[in-house]
């Protein structure tokens, strides 16, 4: 299991002036070339460039970054904390089959990817419900009620 301590990029590790300079550079350029000490160059692919750019921008805003692989396993408590719910509610979701999990001994574990998938599905369902409710309010003429 990966620890946050080993995967945390803290802005205090880099001087603020350097981060600011890098953030401006990433914001103004369309791509970056890496050059080693022998002069060999390699262009960073666009997908990586976008991530590096975001990391540098967030760190220049004095925000720490934690990097996790998608297959990182979370405990039920850590997963519940991530989703902002109680551990028992989260375990109930697992037992209902709403989120895939595996066991390590007697303990349940959930991958970060499955947490992200559930979070997206939950947010999409919430948005659809809000949109439907808004449509019903508009159809009932209550969205912009006539002045009394």
Protein backbone atom coordinates (compact mmCIF):
# COMPACT_ATOMS: atom_id res chain seq x y z
CA UNK A 1 0.00 0.00 0.00
CA UNK A 2 1.33 3.41 -0.93
CA UNK A 3 1.64 5.94 1.84
CA UNK A 4 0.63 9.54 1.40
CA UNK A 5 3.94 10.63 2.89
CA UNK A 6 5.88 9.07 0.01
CA UNK A 7 3.55 10.35 -2.71
CA UNK A 8 3.00 13.89 -1.52
CA UNK A 9 4.48 16.76 -3.49
CA UNK A 10 4.72 19.61 -1.03
CA UNK A 11 5.20 23.14 -2.41
CA UNK A 12 7.57 23.91 0.45
CA UNK A 13 10.07 21.55 -1.23
CA UNK A 14 10.61 24.09 -4.04
CA UNK A 15 11.37 27.80 -3.58
CA UNK A 16 8.29 29.96 -4.26
CA UNK A 17 10.11 32.04 -6.90
CA UNK A 18 11.02 28.88 -8.81
CA UNK A 19 7.43 27.60 -8.70
CA UNK A 20 6.10 30.96 -9.88
CA UNK A 21 8.60 31.02 -12.75
CA UNK A 22 7.68 27.46 -13.74
CA UNK A 23 3.95 28.20 -13.55
CA UNK A 24 4.34 31.19 -15.91
CA UNK A 25 6.46 29.08 -18.26
CA UNK A 26 3.92 26.24 -18.38
CA UNK A 27 1.05 28.70 -18.85
CA UNK A 28 2.69 30.36 -21.85
CA UNK A 29 4.16 27.39 -23.70
CA UNK A 30 2.38 24.72 -25.68
CA UNK A 31 4.87 21.94 -25.05
CA UNK A 32 8.06 21.23 -23.14
CA UNK A 33 11.32 19.64 -24.21
CA UNK A 34 13.38 17.71 -21.70
CA UNK A 35 17.12 18.00 -22.17
CA UNK A 36 19.59 15.77 -20.36
CA UNK A 37 23.18 16.69 -19.51
CA UNK A 38 24.40 15.24 -22.80
CA UNK A 39 22.06 17.46 -24.82
CA UNK A 40 19.61 14.72 -25.79
CA UNK A 41 16.10 16.10 -26.09
CA UNK A 42 12.67 14.57 -25.73
CA UNK A 43 9.32 16.31 -26.08
CA UNK A 44 6.83 15.65 -23.28
CA UNK A 45 3.61 14.19 -24.75
CA UNK A 46 0.55 16.46 -24.58
CA UNK A 47 -1.24 14.32 -21.95
CA UNK A 48 1.74 14.46 -19.59
CA UNK A 49 2.28 18.13 -20.32
CA UNK A 50 -1.27 18.91 -19.19
CA UNK A 51 -0.72 17.04 -15.92
CA UNK A 52 2.68 18.63 -15.28
CA UNK A 53 1.19 22.03 -16.02
CA UNK A 54 -1.64 21.48 -13.54
CA UNK A 55 0.74 20.15 -10.88
CA UNK A 56 3.03 23.17 -11.25
CA UNK A 57 0.07 25.60 -11.19
CA UNK A 58 -1.41 24.04 -8.04
CA UNK A 59 1.96 23.93 -6.30
CA UNK A 60 2.58 27.58 -7.21
CA UNK A 61 -0.73 28.26 -5.40
CA UNK A 62 0.92 26.58 -2.37
CA UNK A 63 -1.25 23.45 -2.66
CA UNK A 64 0.25 20.03 -2.01
CA UNK A 65 -0.36 17.24 -4.53
CA UNK A 66 -0.82 13.56 -3.73
CA UNK A 67 -0.34 11.09 -6.55
CA UNK A 68 -2.13 7.73 -6.46
CA UNK A 69 -2.26 4.94 -9.02
CA UNK A 70 -5.79 3.86 -9.99
CA UNK A 71 -5.25 0.39 -8.53
CA UNK A 72 -4.35 1.76 -5.08
CA UNK A 73 -6.41 -0.12 -2.48
CA UNK A 74 -8.35 1.87 0.11
CA UNK A 75 -9.68 0.64 3.42
CA UNK A 76 -13.41 1.06 3.94
CA UNK A 77 -12.77 3.95 6.34
CA UNK A 78 -10.41 5.75 3.94
CA UNK A 79 -12.84 5.22 1.04
CA UNK A 80 -15.79 6.48 3.11
CA UNK A 81 -13.77 9.53 4.14
CA UNK A 82 -12.88 10.23 0.50
CA UNK A 83 -16.55 10.08 -0.54
CA UNK A 84 -17.73 12.05 2.50
CA UNK A 85 -19.95 9.41 4.07
CA UNK A 86 -19.98 7.19 7.12
CA UNK A 87 -18.06 3.94 7.05
CA UNK A 88 -21.25 1.95 7.71
CA UNK A 89 -23.10 3.61 4.82
CA UNK A 90 -20.11 2.86 2.59
CA UNK A 91 -20.00 -0.80 3.68
CA UNK A 92 -23.74 -1.04 2.92
CA UNK A 93 -23.02 0.21 -0.63
CA UNK A 94 -20.36 -2.49 -1.00
CA UNK A 95 -22.69 -5.21 0.24
CA UNK A 96 -25.44 -4.02 -2.17
CA UNK A 97 -22.93 -4.41 -5.03
CA UNK A 98 -22.86 -0.71 -5.90
CA UNK A 99 -19.07 -0.56 -5.65
CA UNK A 100 -16.76 -3.49 -6.45
CA UNK A 101 -14.40 -4.62 -3.70
CA UNK A 102 -12.04 -7.42 -2.82
CA UNK A 103 -10.99 -8.90 0.47
CA UNK A 104 -7.60 -9.01 2.12
CA UNK A 105 -8.15 -11.60 4.79
CA UNK A 106 -11.41 -10.50 6.40
CA UNK A 107 -11.00 -6.83 5.43
CA UNK A 108 -12.66 -5.20 2.43
CA UNK A 109 -10.56 -3.12 0.05
CA UNK A 110 -11.69 -0.84 -2.78
CA UNK A 111 -9.51 0.45 -5.61
CA UNK A 112 -9.20 4.16 -6.22
CA UNK A 113 -10.49 3.66 -9.78
CA UNK A 114 -13.69 2.08 -8.47
CA UNK A 115 -14.12 4.98 -6.03
CA UNK A 116 -13.71 7.47 -8.87
CA UNK A 117 -16.19 5.54 -11.03
CA UNK A 118 -18.77 5.50 -8.23
CA UNK A 119 -18.20 9.20 -7.53
CA UNK A 120 -18.79 10.08 -11.20
CA UNK A 121 -21.92 7.92 -11.36
CA UNK A 122 -23.27 9.41 -8.10
CA UNK A 123 -22.60 12.97 -9.28
CA UNK A 124 -24.20 12.29 -12.68
CA UNK A 125 -27.31 10.84 -10.99
CA UNK A 126 -27.52 13.84 -8.67
CA UNK A 127 -27.28 16.24 -11.59
CA UNK A 128 -29.99 14.35 -13.51
CA UNK A 129 -32.31 14.48 -10.48
CA UNK A 130 -31.72 18.21 -10.02
CA UNK A 131 -32.34 18.82 -13.74
CA UNK A 132 -35.55 16.78 -13.61
CA UNK A 133 -36.76 18.65 -10.54
CA UNK A 134 -35.95 21.97 -12.19
CA UNK A 135 -37.94 20.94 -15.29
CA UNK A 136 -40.92 20.01 -13.11
CA UNK A 137 -40.80 23.34 -11.27
CA UNK A 138 -40.63 25.23 -14.58
CA UNK A 139 -43.53 23.19 -16.05
CA UNK A 140 -45.62 23.94 -12.96
CA UNK A 141 -44.95 27.65 -13.49
CA UNK A 142 -43.23 28.00 -10.14
CA UNK A 143 -39.76 28.88 -11.34
CA UNK A 144 -40.67 32.48 -12.11
CA UNK A 145 -43.94 32.84 -10.22
CA UNK A 146 -46.26 35.67 -11.17
CA UNK A 147 -46.14 38.59 -8.72
CA UNK A 148 -48.98 38.49 -6.20
